[in-house]
Amino acid sequence: MNRSAEPLAFDIVARIAECAPELRSAERKVAALILDDLTGASRASIGALAQQAEVSIATVTRFAKAVGCRDVRELKLRLAQAAAVGQRFLERDAASDAPEPIATRVFDELQTALAHNHQLLRQAPFAEAAAALRNARMIYVFGMGGGSTALADEMRFRLVRLGRPVATYQDGLLQRMVASTVSRECVVIALSTTGRVPEMVENCKIARSYGAKVVALTAPASPLAKLADWLIPIVAFETDFIYKPSSSRYALMMALDVLVTELAVSQGDESRELLRRMKHALDAHRGGGDRQPLGD
């Protein structure tokens, strides 16, 4: 790719996430460090970055060039700009006598998170992952923690509507037990915004050792991402507004929705008939118009 031909302004967060899978192992450590803490990375010296990532200074320099920057100085500048994107939503407007409404802060941060992740998802292997789900004898969805636990069930709800055999496991020990029972005809969907939960990573390793394929919705430079047969990249973009829930949940849900929609479209008439049956059964029970949501 000819980076020099690109415009001066580009999304450094999306660029790092996009490049991460193709980087050398040492450079991925730098990517992971930066994506974990944009603000800290933008303020750290090249020596500090190298020390924290446990790599050489030369590796940090190579990383900067690999993601389209002339040098580490430009990299840090772009990181500082990216880290500042959400700050205007958190600070009181000096020209106003009242703080920005909470609804506006929440909405703007969600919009920022979705915009960053939209570009990543355009390049993700959704068609290949959907084909694996379509052909799987059994699908297991793993999620741990707040957002991933809830969205694991959301994934199950969506796949059931499409006639897929699916089960959800959020407990680490249960995941480990299930992982030891899988076969080559099984697919594990792993949901983790950070991709660094030790139990999740270990359980996916076990599943892979028995032949299961792994679809990971996770951070692109993470340990979980390295295990994935199909990586759907998610980048958490958090600000200092600590009082509201993480916006990364919405990025993860967007990736989930795209994956399930890809599967539904690929099944064609089968999906249409299953959804028609479900709508018929719901309307017979609750009543309602044609445009009511398929579910409550």
C-alpha atoms as a PDB file:
ATOM      1  CA  MET A   1       0.000   0.000   0.000  1.00  0.00           C
ATOM      2  CA  ASN A   2       1.365   3.440  -0.939  1.00  0.00           C
ATOM      3  CA  ARG A   3       1.076   5.405   2.289  1.00  0.00           C
ATOM      4  CA  SER A   4       2.695   8.532   0.808  1.00  0.00           C
ATOM      5  CA  ALA A   5      -0.192   8.933  -1.624  1.00  0.00           C
ATOM      6  CA  GLU A   6      -2.740   9.115   1.177  1.00  0.00           C
ATOM      7  CA  PRO A   7      -4.034  12.389   2.668  1.00  0.00           C
ATOM      8  CA  LEU A   8      -2.232  13.862   5.648  1.00  0.00           C
ATOM      9  CA  ALA A   9      -5.221  13.299   7.909  1.00  0.00           C
ATOM     10  CA  PHE A  10      -6.041   9.665   8.584  1.00  0.00           C
ATOM     11  CA  ASP A  11      -7.495   7.718  11.464  1.00  0.00           C
ATOM     12  CA  ILE A  12      -4.443   6.408  13.323  1.00  0.00           C
ATOM     13  CA  VAL A  13      -6.548   4.170  15.574  1.00  0.00           C
ATOM     14  CA  ALA A  14      -8.159   2.417  12.622  1.00  0.00           C
ATOM     15  CA  ARG A  15      -4.810   2.255  10.821  1.00  0.00           C
ATOM     16  CA  ILE A  16      -3.061   0.524  13.729  1.00  0.00           C
ATOM     17  CA  ALA A  17      -5.907  -1.951  14.143  1.00  0.00           C
ATOM     18  CA  GLU A  18      -5.958  -2.645  10.405  1.00  0.00           C
ATOM     19  CA  CYS A  19      -2.209  -3.243  10.224  1.00  0.00           C
ATOM     20  CA  ALA A  20      -1.830  -5.179  13.493  1.00  0.00           C
ATOM     21  CA  PRO A  21      -2.484  -8.701  12.148  1.00  0.00           C
ATOM     22  CA  GLU A  22       0.266  -8.273   9.524  1.00  0.00           C
ATOM     23  CA  LEU A  23       2.907  -6.805  11.851  1.00  0.00           C
ATOM     24  CA  ARG A  24       5.836  -8.673  13.325  1.00  0.00           C
ATOM     25  CA  SER A  25       5.346 -10.137  16.773  1.00  0.00           C
ATOM     26  CA  ALA A  26       7.386  -7.388  18.497  1.00  0.00           C
ATOM     27  CA  GLU A  27       5.539  -4.650  16.603  1.00  0.00           C
ATOM     28  CA  ARG A  28       2.179  -6.130  17.649  1.00  0.00           C
ATOM     29  CA  LYS A  29       3.252  -5.603  21.260  1.00  0.00           C
ATOM     30  CA  VAL A  30       3.635  -1.897  20.497  1.00  0.00           C
ATOM     31  CA  ALA A  31       0.228  -1.875  18.789  1.00  0.00           C
ATOM     32  CA  ALA A  32      -1.406  -3.534  21.785  1.00  0.00           C
ATOM     33  CA  LEU A  33       0.203  -1.082  24.199  1.00  0.00           C
ATOM     34  CA  ILE A  34      -0.972   1.911  22.187  1.00  0.00           C
ATOM     35  CA  LEU A  35      -4.521   0.673  21.679  1.00  0.00           C
ATOM     36  CA  ASP A  36      -4.798  -0.015  25.416  1.00  0.00           C
ATOM     37  CA  ASP A  37      -3.910   3.595  26.328  1.00  0.00           C
ATOM     38  CA  LEU A  38      -3.857   6.207  23.553  1.00  0.00           C
ATOM     39  CA  THR A  39      -3.291   9.115  25.906  1.00  0.00           C
ATOM     40  CA  GLY A  40      -0.441   7.439  27.781  1.00  0.00           C
ATOM     41  CA  ALA A  41       1.244   6.372  24.566  1.00  0.00           C
ATOM     42  CA  SER A  42       1.010   9.871  23.092  1.00  0.00           C
ATOM     43  CA  ARG A  43       2.802  11.311  26.130  1.00  0.00           C
ATOM     44  CA  ALA A  44       5.471   8.634  26.576  1.00  0.00           C
ATOM     45  CA  SER A  45       8.986   8.940  25.195  1.00  0.00           C
ATOM     46  CA  ILE A  46      10.182   6.452  22.601  1.00  0.00           C
ATOM     47  CA  GLY A  47      12.292   4.825  25.290  1.00  0.00           C
ATOM     48  CA  ALA A  48       9.328   4.519  27.631  1.00  0.00           C
ATOM     49  CA  LEU A  49       7.188   3.013  24.871  1.00  0.00           C
ATOM     50  CA  ALA A  50       9.886   0.463  24.111  1.00  0.00           C
ATOM     51  CA  GLN A  51      10.311  -0.409  27.781  1.00  0.00           C
ATOM     52  CA  GLN A  52       6.580  -0.806  28.455  1.00  0.00           C
ATOM     53  CA  ALA A  53       6.089  -2.957  25.350  1.00  0.00           C
ATOM     54  CA  GLU A  54       9.262  -4.923  26.154  1.00  0.00           C
ATOM     55  CA  VAL A  55      10.758  -4.276  22.727  1.00  0.00           C
ATOM     56  CA  SER A  56      13.685  -2.300  21.336  1.00  0.00           C
ATOM     57  CA  ILE A  57      13.608   1.378  20.393  1.00  0.00           C
ATOM     58  CA  ALA A  58      14.255   0.318  16.791  1.00  0.00           C
ATOM     59  CA  THR A  59      11.058  -1.744  16.909  1.00  0.00           C
ATOM     60  CA  VAL A  60       9.024   1.309  17.950  1.00  0.00           C
ATOM     61  CA  THR A  61      10.523   3.242  15.039  1.00  0.00           C
ATOM     62  CA  ARG A  62       9.704   0.445  12.583  1.00  0.00           C
ATOM     63  CA  PHE A  63       6.194   0.287  13.984  1.00  0.00           C
ATOM     64  CA  ALA A  64       5.642   4.010  13.390  1.00  0.00           C
ATOM     65  CA  LYS A  65       6.638   3.636   9.742  1.00  0.00           C
ATOM     66  CA  ALA A  66       4.593   0.444   9.334  1.00  0.00           C
ATOM     67  CA  VAL A  67       1.404   2.319  10.245  1.00  0.00           C
ATOM     68  CA  GLY A  68       2.069   5.157   7.831  1.00  0.00           C
ATOM     69  CA  CYS A  69       3.949   7.719   9.956  1.00  0.00           C
ATOM     70  CA  ARG A  70       7.254   9.279   8.970  1.00  0.00           C
ATOM     71  CA  ASP A  71       8.684   8.779  12.439  1.00  0.00           C
ATOM     72  CA  VAL A  72       7.778   8.303  16.099  1.00  0.00           C
ATOM     73  CA  ARG A  73       7.213  12.035  16.523  1.00  0.00           C
ATOM     74  CA  GLU A  74       4.438  11.994  13.915  1.00  0.00           C
ATOM     75  CA  LEU A  75       3.007   8.842  15.472  1.00  0.00           C
ATOM     76  CA  LYS A  76       2.775  10.501  18.882  1.00  0.00           C
ATOM     77  CA  LEU A  77       1.168  13.593  17.368  1.00  0.00           C
ATOM     78  CA  ARG A  78      -1.524  11.521  15.687  1.00  0.00           C
ATOM     79  CA  LEU A  79      -2.105   9.544  18.877  1.00  0.00           C
ATOM     80  CA  ALA A  80      -2.535  12.768  20.825  1.00  0.00           C
ATOM     81  CA  GLN A  81      -5.071  13.993  18.267  1.00  0.00           C
ATOM     82  CA  ALA A  82      -6.960  10.706  18.415  1.00  0.00           C
ATOM     83  CA  ALA A  83      -6.953  10.668  22.220  1.00  0.00           C
ATOM     84  CA  ALA A  84      -8.392  14.178  22.282  1.00  0.00           C
ATOM     85  CA  VAL A  85     -11.371  13.373  20.058  1.00  0.00           C
ATOM     86  CA  GLY A  86     -13.690  12.594  22.943  1.00  0.00           C
ATOM     87  CA  GLN A  87     -12.469  15.275  25.332  1.00  0.00           C
ATOM     88  CA  ARG A  88     -14.768  17.996  24.009  1.00  0.00           C
ATOM     89  CA  PHE A  89     -17.683  15.822  25.078  1.00  0.00           C
ATOM     90  CA  LEU A  90     -16.401  15.643  28.634  1.00  0.00           C
ATOM     91  CA  GLU A  91     -15.521  19.252  29.421  1.00  0.00           C
ATOM     92  CA  ARG A  92     -17.928  22.044  30.176  1.00  0.00           C
ATOM     93  CA  ASP A  93     -18.357  24.483  27.327  1.00  0.00           C
ATOM     94  CA  ALA A  94     -16.686  27.703  28.391  1.00  0.00           C
ATOM     95  CA  ALA A  95     -19.240  29.669  26.399  1.00  0.00           C
ATOM     96  CA  SER A  96     -22.151  28.088  28.217  1.00  0.00           C
ATOM     97  CA  ASP A  97     -23.448  28.559  31.729  1.00  0.00           C
ATOM     98  CA  ALA A  98     -24.601  24.921  31.904  1.00  0.00           C
ATOM     99  CA  PRO A  99     -22.735  21.662  31.273  1.00  0.00           C
ATOM    100  CA  GLU A 100     -23.451  19.729  28.113  1.00  0.00           C
ATOM    101  CA  PRO A 101     -26.515  17.473  28.506  1.00  0.00           C
ATOM    102  CA  ILE A 102     -25.714  13.911  29.487  1.00  0.00           C
ATOM    103  CA  ALA A 103     -27.702  12.624  26.516  1.00  0.00           C
ATOM    104  CA  THR A 104     -25.446  14.590  24.155  1.00  0.00           C
ATOM    105  CA  ARG A 105     -22.253  13.366  25.808  1.00  0.00           C
ATOM    106  CA  VAL A 106     -23.347   9.759  25.630  1.00  0.00           C
ATOM    107  CA  PHE A 107     -24.530  10.078  22.037  1.00  0.00           C
ATOM    108  CA  ASP A 108     -21.350  11.791  20.850  1.00  0.00           C
ATOM    109  CA  GLU A 109     -19.104   9.190  22.442  1.00  0.00           C
ATOM    110  CA  LEU A 110     -21.121   6.372  20.919  1.00  0.00           C
ATOM    111  CA  GLN A 111     -20.892   8.048  17.549  1.00  0.00           C
ATOM    112  CA  THR A 112     -17.111   8.338  17.895  1.00  0.00           C
ATOM    113  CA  ALA A 113     -16.717   4.669  18.834  1.00  0.00           C
ATOM    114  CA  LEU A 114     -18.930   3.502  15.979  1.00  0.00           C
ATOM    115  CA  ALA A 115     -17.185   5.709  13.414  1.00  0.00           C
ATOM    116  CA  HIS A 116     -13.756   4.346  14.356  1.00  0.00           C
ATOM    117  CA  ASN A 117     -14.921   0.765  14.178  1.00  0.00           C
ATOM    118  CA  HIS A 118     -16.965   1.152  11.007  1.00  0.00           C
ATOM    119  CA  GLN A 119     -13.827   1.505   8.903  1.00  0.00           C
ATOM    120  CA  LEU A 120     -12.314  -1.631  10.447  1.00  0.00           C
ATOM    121  CA  LEU A 121     -15.415  -3.712   9.886  1.00  0.00           C
ATOM    122  CA  ARG A 122     -15.494  -2.900   6.182  1.00  0.00           C
ATOM    123  CA  GLN A 123     -12.368  -5.030   5.767  1.00  0.00           C
ATOM    124  CA  ALA A 124     -13.298  -7.849   8.168  1.00  0.00           C
ATOM    125  CA  PRO A 125     -13.839 -11.428   6.892  1.00  0.00           C
ATOM    126  CA  PHE A 126     -17.579 -11.539   7.561  1.00  0.00           C
ATOM    127  CA  ALA A 127     -18.444 -13.719   4.567  1.00  0.00           C
ATOM    128  CA  GLU A 128     -15.932 -16.402   5.555  1.00  0.00           C
ATOM    129  CA  ALA A 129     -17.002 -16.350   9.207  1.00  0.00           C
ATOM    130  CA  ALA A 130     -20.686 -16.537   8.229  1.00  0.00           C
ATOM    131  CA  ALA A 131     -19.964 -19.544   6.001  1.00  0.00           C
ATOM    132  CA  ALA A 132     -18.323 -21.308   8.954  1.00  0.00           C
ATOM    133  CA  LEU A 133     -21.373 -20.617  11.130  1.00  0.00           C
ATOM    134  CA  ARG A 134     -23.713 -21.820   8.399  1.00  0.00           C
ATOM    135  CA  ASN A 135     -21.889 -25.145   8.127  1.00  0.00           C
ATOM    136  CA  ALA A 136     -21.203 -25.728  11.846  1.00  0.00           C
ATOM    137  CA  ARG A 137     -22.748 -28.703  13.592  1.00  0.00           C
ATOM    138  CA  MET A 138     -22.700 -26.655  16.823  1.00  0.00           C
ATOM    139  CA  ILE A 139     -21.844 -23.057  17.700  1.00  0.00           C
ATOM    140  CA  TYR A 140     -20.615 -22.083  21.160  1.00  0.00           C
ATOM    141  CA  VAL A 141     -20.544 -18.427  22.160  1.00  0.00           C
ATOM    142  CA  PHE A 142     -18.067 -17.423  24.882  1.00  0.00           C
ATOM    143  CA  GLY A 143     -18.322 -14.096  26.706  1.00  0.00           C
ATOM    144  CA  MET A 144     -16.932 -12.917  30.042  1.00  0.00           C
ATOM    145  CA  GLY A 145     -17.274  -9.674  31.971  1.00  0.00           C
ATOM    146  CA  GLY A 146     -20.022  -7.066  31.707  1.00  0.00           C
ATOM    147  CA  GLY A 147     -20.535  -6.218  28.057  1.00  0.00           C
ATOM    148  CA  SER A 148     -19.326  -9.503  26.568  1.00  0.00           C
ATOM    149  CA  THR A 149     -21.478 -11.567  28.918  1.00  0.00           C
ATOM    150  CA  ALA A 150     -24.643  -9.744  27.852  1.00  0.00           C
ATOM    151  CA  LEU A 151     -23.747  -9.762  24.173  1.00  0.00           C
ATOM    152  CA  ALA A 152     -22.986 -13.471  24.208  1.00  0.00           C
ATOM    153  CA  ASP A 153     -26.654 -14.021  24.939  1.00  0.00           C
ATOM    154  CA  GLU A 154     -27.539 -11.446  22.287  1.00  0.00           C
ATOM    155  CA  MET A 155     -25.521 -13.477  19.772  1.00  0.00           C
ATOM    156  CA  ARG A 156     -27.409 -16.613  20.807  1.00  0.00           C
ATOM    157  CA  PHE A 157     -30.772 -14.882  20.368  1.00  0.00           C
ATOM    158  CA  ARG A 158     -29.827 -13.762  16.854  1.00  0.00           C
ATOM    159  CA  LEU A 159     -28.465 -17.128  15.733  1.00  0.00           C
ATOM    160  CA  VAL A 160     -31.490 -19.025  17.047  1.00  0.00           C
ATOM    161  CA  ARG A 161     -33.717 -16.896  14.818  1.00  0.00           C
ATOM    162  CA  LEU A 162     -31.715 -18.156  11.848  1.00  0.00           C
ATOM    163  CA  GLY A 163     -32.046 -21.800  12.797  1.00  0.00           C
ATOM    164  CA  ARG A 164     -28.456 -22.238  13.951  1.00  0.00           C
ATOM    165  CA  PRO A 165     -27.614 -24.715  16.749  1.00  0.00           C
ATOM    166  CA  VAL A 166     -26.067 -22.488  19.417  1.00  0.00           C
ATOM    167  CA  ALA A 167     -25.319 -22.362  23.141  1.00  0.00           C
ATOM    168  CA  THR A 168     -23.872 -19.611  25.321  1.00  0.00           C
ATOM    169  CA  TYR A 169     -21.329 -19.953  28.118  1.00  0.00           C
ATOM    170  CA  GLN A 170     -20.123 -17.060  30.268  1.00  0.00           C
ATOM    171  CA  ASP A 171     -18.523 -18.929  33.176  1.00  0.00           C
ATOM    172  CA  GLY A 172     -14.814 -19.600  32.682  1.00  0.00           C
ATOM    173  CA  LEU A 173     -14.883 -23.105  34.112  1.00  0.00           C
ATOM    174  CA  LEU A 174     -17.909 -24.107  32.036  1.00  0.00           C
ATOM    175  CA  GLN A 175     -16.211 -22.712  28.946  1.00  0.00           C
ATOM    176  CA  ARG A 176     -13.190 -24.859  29.701  1.00  0.00           C
ATOM    177  CA  MET A 177     -15.353 -27.962  30.062  1.00  0.00           C
ATOM    178  CA  VAL A 178     -17.225 -27.242  26.827  1.00  0.00           C
ATOM    179  CA  ALA A 179     -13.984 -26.516  24.979  1.00  0.00           C
ATOM    180  CA  SER A 180     -12.760 -30.007  25.807  1.00  0.00           C
ATOM    181  CA  THR A 181     -15.812 -31.591  24.125  1.00  0.00           C
ATOM    182  CA  VAL A 182     -15.750 -29.846  20.740  1.00  0.00           C
ATOM    183  CA  SER A 183     -14.876 -31.311  17.344  1.00  0.00           C
ATOM    184  CA  ARG A 184     -13.857 -30.100  13.898  1.00  0.00           C
ATOM    185  CA  GLU A 185     -17.518 -29.482  13.059  1.00  0.00           C
ATOM    186  CA  CYS A 186     -17.857 -26.900  15.855  1.00  0.00           C
ATOM    187  CA  VAL A 187     -17.274 -23.145  15.874  1.00  0.00           C
ATOM    188  CA  VAL A 188     -16.520 -21.013  18.928  1.00  0.00           C
ATOM    189  CA  ILE A 189     -17.493 -17.339  18.791  1.00  0.00           C
ATOM    190  CA  ALA A 190     -15.366 -15.465  21.338  1.00  0.00           C
ATOM    191  CA  LEU A 191     -16.477 -11.988  22.413  1.00  0.00           C
ATOM    192  CA  SER A 192     -13.923  -9.834  24.234  1.00  0.00           C
ATOM    193  CA  THR A 193     -13.292  -6.134  23.792  1.00  0.00           C
ATOM    194  CA  THR A 194      -9.731  -6.401  25.124  1.00  0.00           C
ATOM    195  CA  GLY A 195      -8.890  -9.958  24.057  1.00  0.00           C
ATOM    196  CA  ARG A 196      -6.763 -10.305  27.182  1.00  0.00           C
ATOM    197  CA  VAL A 197      -8.949 -12.236  29.627  1.00  0.00           C
ATOM    198  CA  PRO A 198      -6.697 -15.216  30.542  1.00  0.00           C
ATOM    199  CA  GLU A 199      -9.541 -17.717  30.919  1.00  0.00           C
ATOM    200  CA  MET A 200     -11.056 -16.774  27.572  1.00  0.00           C
ATOM    201  CA  VAL A 201      -7.743 -17.089  25.755  1.00  0.00           C
ATOM    202  CA  GLU A 202      -6.944 -20.420  27.390  1.00  0.00           C
ATOM    203  CA  ASN A 203     -10.398 -21.849  26.679  1.00  0.00           C
ATOM    204  CA  CYS A 204     -10.169 -20.921  23.011  1.00  0.00           C
ATOM    205  CA  LYS A 205      -6.750 -22.595  22.854  1.00  0.00           C
ATOM    206  CA  ILE A 206      -8.299 -25.766  24.226  1.00  0.00           C
ATOM    207  CA  ALA A 207     -11.139 -25.636  21.697  1.00  0.00           C
ATOM    208  CA  ARG A 208      -8.688 -25.170  18.848  1.00  0.00           C
ATOM    209  CA  SER A 209      -6.579 -28.086  20.057  1.00  0.00           C
ATOM    210  CA  TYR A 210      -9.622 -30.316  19.465  1.00  0.00           C
ATOM    211  CA  GLY A 211     -10.200 -28.941  15.987  1.00  0.00           C
ATOM    212  CA  ALA A 212     -12.848 -26.260  16.521  1.00  0.00           C
ATOM    213  CA  LYS A 213     -12.638 -23.029  14.551  1.00  0.00           C
ATOM    214  CA  VAL A 214     -12.663 -19.684  16.357  1.00  0.00           C
ATOM    215  CA  VAL A 215     -14.408 -16.489  15.278  1.00  0.00           C
ATOM    216  CA  ALA A 216     -13.136 -13.707  17.552  1.00  0.00           C
ATOM    217  CA  LEU A 217     -14.765 -10.301  17.947  1.00  0.00           C
ATOM    218  CA  THR A 218     -11.912  -8.622  19.767  1.00  0.00           C
ATOM    219  CA  ALA A 219      -8.975  -6.196  19.774  1.00  0.00           C
ATOM    220  CA  PRO A 220      -6.804  -6.831  16.701  1.00  0.00           C
ATOM    221  CA  ALA A 221      -3.428  -6.922  18.478  1.00  0.00           C
ATOM    222  CA  SER A 222      -4.584  -9.045  21.395  1.00  0.00           C
ATOM    223  CA  PRO A 223      -3.688 -12.630  22.409  1.00  0.00           C
ATOM    224  CA  LEU A 224      -7.227 -13.739  21.520  1.00  0.00           C
ATOM    225  CA  ALA A 225      -6.917 -12.233  18.045  1.00  0.00           C
ATOM    226  CA  LYS A 226      -3.824 -14.335  17.374  1.00  0.00           C
ATOM    227  CA  LEU A 227      -5.846 -17.503  18.007  1.00  0.00           C
ATOM    228  CA  ALA A 228      -8.701 -16.602  15.692  1.00  0.00           C
ATOM    229  CA  ASP A 229      -9.358 -18.315  12.388  1.00  0.00           C
ATOM    230  CA  TRP A 230     -11.470 -15.270  11.520  1.00  0.00           C
ATOM    231  CA  LEU A 231     -10.841 -11.976  13.298  1.00  0.00           C
ATOM    232  CA  ILE A 232     -13.585  -9.348  13.488  1.00  0.00           C
ATOM    233  CA  PRO A 233     -11.616  -6.381  14.901  1.00  0.00           C
ATOM    234  CA  ILE A 234     -12.986  -4.209  17.692  1.00  0.00           C
ATOM    235  CA  VAL A 235     -11.190  -1.148  19.037  1.00  0.00           C
ATOM    236  CA  ALA A 236     -12.304   0.319  22.355  1.00  0.00           C
ATOM    237  CA  PHE A 237     -12.258   4.102  22.197  1.00  0.00           C
ATOM    238  CA  GLU A 238     -12.834   5.370  25.704  1.00  0.00           C
ATOM    239  CA  THR A 239     -12.623   8.891  27.102  1.00  0.00           C
ATOM    240  CA  ASP A 240     -12.124  10.219  30.618  1.00  0.00           C
ATOM    241  CA  PHE A 241     -15.873  10.476  31.207  1.00  0.00           C
ATOM    242  CA  ILE A 242     -15.870   7.590  33.654  1.00  0.00           C
ATOM    243  CA  TYR A 243     -19.485   7.769  34.811  1.00  0.00           C
ATOM    244  CA  LYS A 244     -21.140   6.199  31.804  1.00  0.00           C
ATOM    245  CA  PRO A 245     -20.874   2.574  30.604  1.00  0.00           C
ATOM    246  CA  SER A 246     -18.238   1.717  28.017  1.00  0.00           C
ATOM    247  CA  SER A 247     -18.975   2.795  24.448  1.00  0.00           C
ATOM    248  CA  SER A 248     -17.092  -0.273  23.225  1.00  0.00           C
ATOM    249  CA  ARG A 249     -20.263  -2.299  23.885  1.00  0.00           C
ATOM    250  CA  TYR A 250     -21.858  -0.581  20.910  1.00  0.00           C
ATOM    251  CA  ALA A 251     -18.878  -1.287  18.663  1.00  0.00           C
ATOM    252  CA  LEU A 252     -19.068  -4.938  19.681  1.00  0.00           C
ATOM    253  CA  MET A 253     -22.820  -4.994  19.045  1.00  0.00           C
ATOM    254  CA  MET A 254     -22.328  -3.418  15.614  1.00  0.00           C
ATOM    255  CA  ALA A 255     -19.828  -6.148  14.701  1.00  0.00           C
ATOM    256  CA  LEU A 256     -22.248  -8.769  16.021  1.00  0.00           C
ATOM    257  CA  ASP A 257     -25.101  -7.358  13.949  1.00  0.00           C
ATOM    258  CA  VAL A 258     -23.011  -7.272  10.782  1.00  0.00           C
ATOM    259  CA  LEU A 259     -21.911 -10.890  11.264  1.00  0.00           C
ATOM    260  CA  VAL A 260     -25.452 -12.133  11.893  1.00  0.00           C
ATOM    261  CA  THR A 261     -26.837 -10.120   8.977  1.00  0.00           C
ATOM    262  CA  GLU A 262     -24.160 -11.576   6.690  1.00  0.00           C
ATOM    263  CA  LEU A 263     -25.247 -15.034   7.802  1.00  0.00           C
ATOM    264  CA  ALA A 264     -28.938 -14.257   7.290  1.00  0.00           C
ATOM    265  CA  VAL A 265     -28.373 -12.943   3.774  1.00  0.00           C
ATOM    266  CA  SER A 266     -26.183 -15.907   2.860  1.00  0.00           C
ATOM    267  CA  GLN A 267     -28.965 -18.324   3.884  1.00  0.00           C
ATOM    268  CA  GLY A 268     -31.416 -16.557   1.593  1.00  0.00           C
ATOM    269  CA  ASP A 269     -34.831 -18.248   1.458  1.00  0.00           C
ATOM    270  CA  GLU A 270     -34.122 -20.302   4.582  1.00  0.00           C
ATOM    271  CA  SER A 271     -33.675 -17.145   6.664  1.00  0.00           C
ATOM    272  CA  ARG A 272     -36.731 -15.516   5.147  1.00  0.00           C
ATOM    273  CA  GLU A 273     -38.982 -18.479   5.970  1.00  0.00           C
ATOM    274  CA  LEU A 274     -37.702 -18.784   9.549  1.00  0.00           C
ATOM    275  CA  LEU A 275     -38.230 -15.073  10.194  1.00  0.00           C
ATOM    276  CA  ARG A 276     -41.713 -15.245   8.643  1.00  0.00           C
ATOM    277  CA  ARG A 277     -42.650 -18.101  10.980  1.00  0.00           C
ATOM    278  CA  MET A 278     -41.393 -16.193  13.980  1.00  0.00           C
ATOM    279  CA  LYS A 279     -43.317 -13.055  13.031  1.00  0.00           C
ATOM    280  CA  HIS A 280     -46.469 -15.110  12.526  1.00  0.00           C
ATOM    281  CA  ALA A 281     -46.111 -16.797  15.925  1.00  0.00           C
ATOM    282  CA  LEU A 282     -45.505 -13.477  17.707  1.00  0.00           C
ATOM    283  CA  ASP A 283     -48.375 -11.641  16.019  1.00  0.00           C
ATOM    284  CA  ALA A 284     -50.753 -14.480  16.872  1.00  0.00           C
ATOM    285  CA  HIS A 285     -49.753 -14.088  20.509  1.00  0.00           C
ATOM    286  CA  ARG A 286     -49.495 -10.329  21.003  1.00  0.00           C
ATOM    287  CA  GLY A 287     -51.107  -8.744  17.964  1.00  0.00           C
ATOM    288  CA  GLY A 288     -49.468  -5.785  16.289  1.00  0.00           C
ATOM    289  CA  GLY A 289     -48.625  -4.279  12.940  1.00  0.00           C
ATOM    290  CA  ASP A 290     -46.335  -5.359  10.135  1.00  0.00           C
ATOM    291  CA  ARG A 291     -43.487  -3.062  11.178  1.00  0.00           C
ATOM    292  CA  GLN A 292     -43.234  -4.029  14.830  1.00  0.00           C
ATOM    293  CA  PRO A 293     -39.801  -5.409  15.818  1.00  0.00           C
ATOM    294  CA  LEU A 294     -39.333  -9.143  15.498  1.00  0.00           C
ATOM    295  CA  GLY A 295     -39.237  -9.670  19.252  1.00  0.00           C
ATOM    296  CA  ASP A 296     -39.843  -7.334  22.197  1.00  0.00           C
END
